[in-house]
Structures are given as structure tokens and as C-alpha cells.
Amino acid sequence: MIKKVKAGYKVLSSKGKNLGGPFITEAEAKKRLRQVEFFKHKKG
């Protein structure tokens, strides 16, 4: 999930772990979230 913080936007897991950021724009955070999802579902 993407959460707005004072420094910009952070990408967090469902359990609250930081997966990247802070990013200046929400678009950068969405790009990082897509990267995380890609590698999460990648097989072999």
C-alpha cells in the first residue's frame, strides 16, 4: 500500500514494513509498488 507521510509517499507491506521510499511523487511510489508486486509473483 502507499501511505502519505511528511517526507512524501512510502510503500508499505500489509504488515507495515517499509518497502521503499520516501518518494517525492505518488507516481514514483506506484512504480515501486509495481516492482514489488512483480517480484512477489515471479516464478523461477
Protein backbone atom coordinates (compact mmCIF):
# COMPACT_ATOMS: atom_id res chain seq x y z
CA MET A 1 0.00 0.00 0.00
CA ILE A 2 1.07 3.60 -0.46
CA LYS A 3 0.93 5.91 2.53
CA LYS A 4 1.36 9.68 2.54
CA VAL A 5 3.95 10.81 5.09
CA LYS A 6 5.58 14.13 5.88
CA ALA A 7 8.52 13.42 3.54
CA GLY A 8 6.32 12.30 0.61
CA TYR A 9 4.98 8.81 -0.08
CA LYS A 10 6.10 5.44 1.31
CA VAL A 11 5.40 1.94 0.03
CA LEU A 12 4.43 -0.36 2.90
CA SER A 13 3.60 -4.04 3.14
CA SER A 14 0.28 -5.14 4.59
CA LYS A 15 2.08 -5.77 7.89
CA GLY A 16 3.60 -2.28 7.89
CA LYS A 17 7.17 -2.98 6.78
CA ASN A 18 8.83 -0.32 4.64
CA LEU A 19 9.31 -1.50 1.04
CA GLY A 20 10.66 1.76 -0.36
CA GLY A 21 10.65 5.47 -0.05
CA PRO A 22 10.05 8.14 0.83
CA PHE A 23 9.29 9.20 -2.73
CA ILE A 24 8.55 12.78 -3.76
CA THR A 25 5.60 11.94 -6.03
CA GLU A 26 2.84 9.38 -5.80
CA ALA A 27 3.72 8.19 -9.32
CA GLU A 28 7.20 7.14 -8.13
CA ALA A 29 5.64 5.25 -5.23
CA LYS A 30 3.22 3.46 -7.59
CA LYS A 31 6.15 2.47 -9.81
CA ARG A 32 7.95 0.95 -6.81
CA LEU A 33 4.76 -0.87 -5.74
CA ARG A 34 4.52 -2.42 -9.23
CA GLN A 35 8.15 -3.59 -8.91
CA VAL A 36 7.43 -5.22 -5.54
CA GLU A 37 4.32 -6.97 -6.87
CA PHE A 38 6.22 -8.20 -9.94
CA PHE A 39 8.94 -9.88 -7.91
CA LYS A 40 6.45 -11.19 -5.36
CA HIS A 41 4.62 -13.15 -8.07
CA LYS A 42 7.63 -14.05 -10.24
CA LYS A 43 8.19 -17.79 -10.64
CA GLY A 44 11.59 -19.40 -11.25
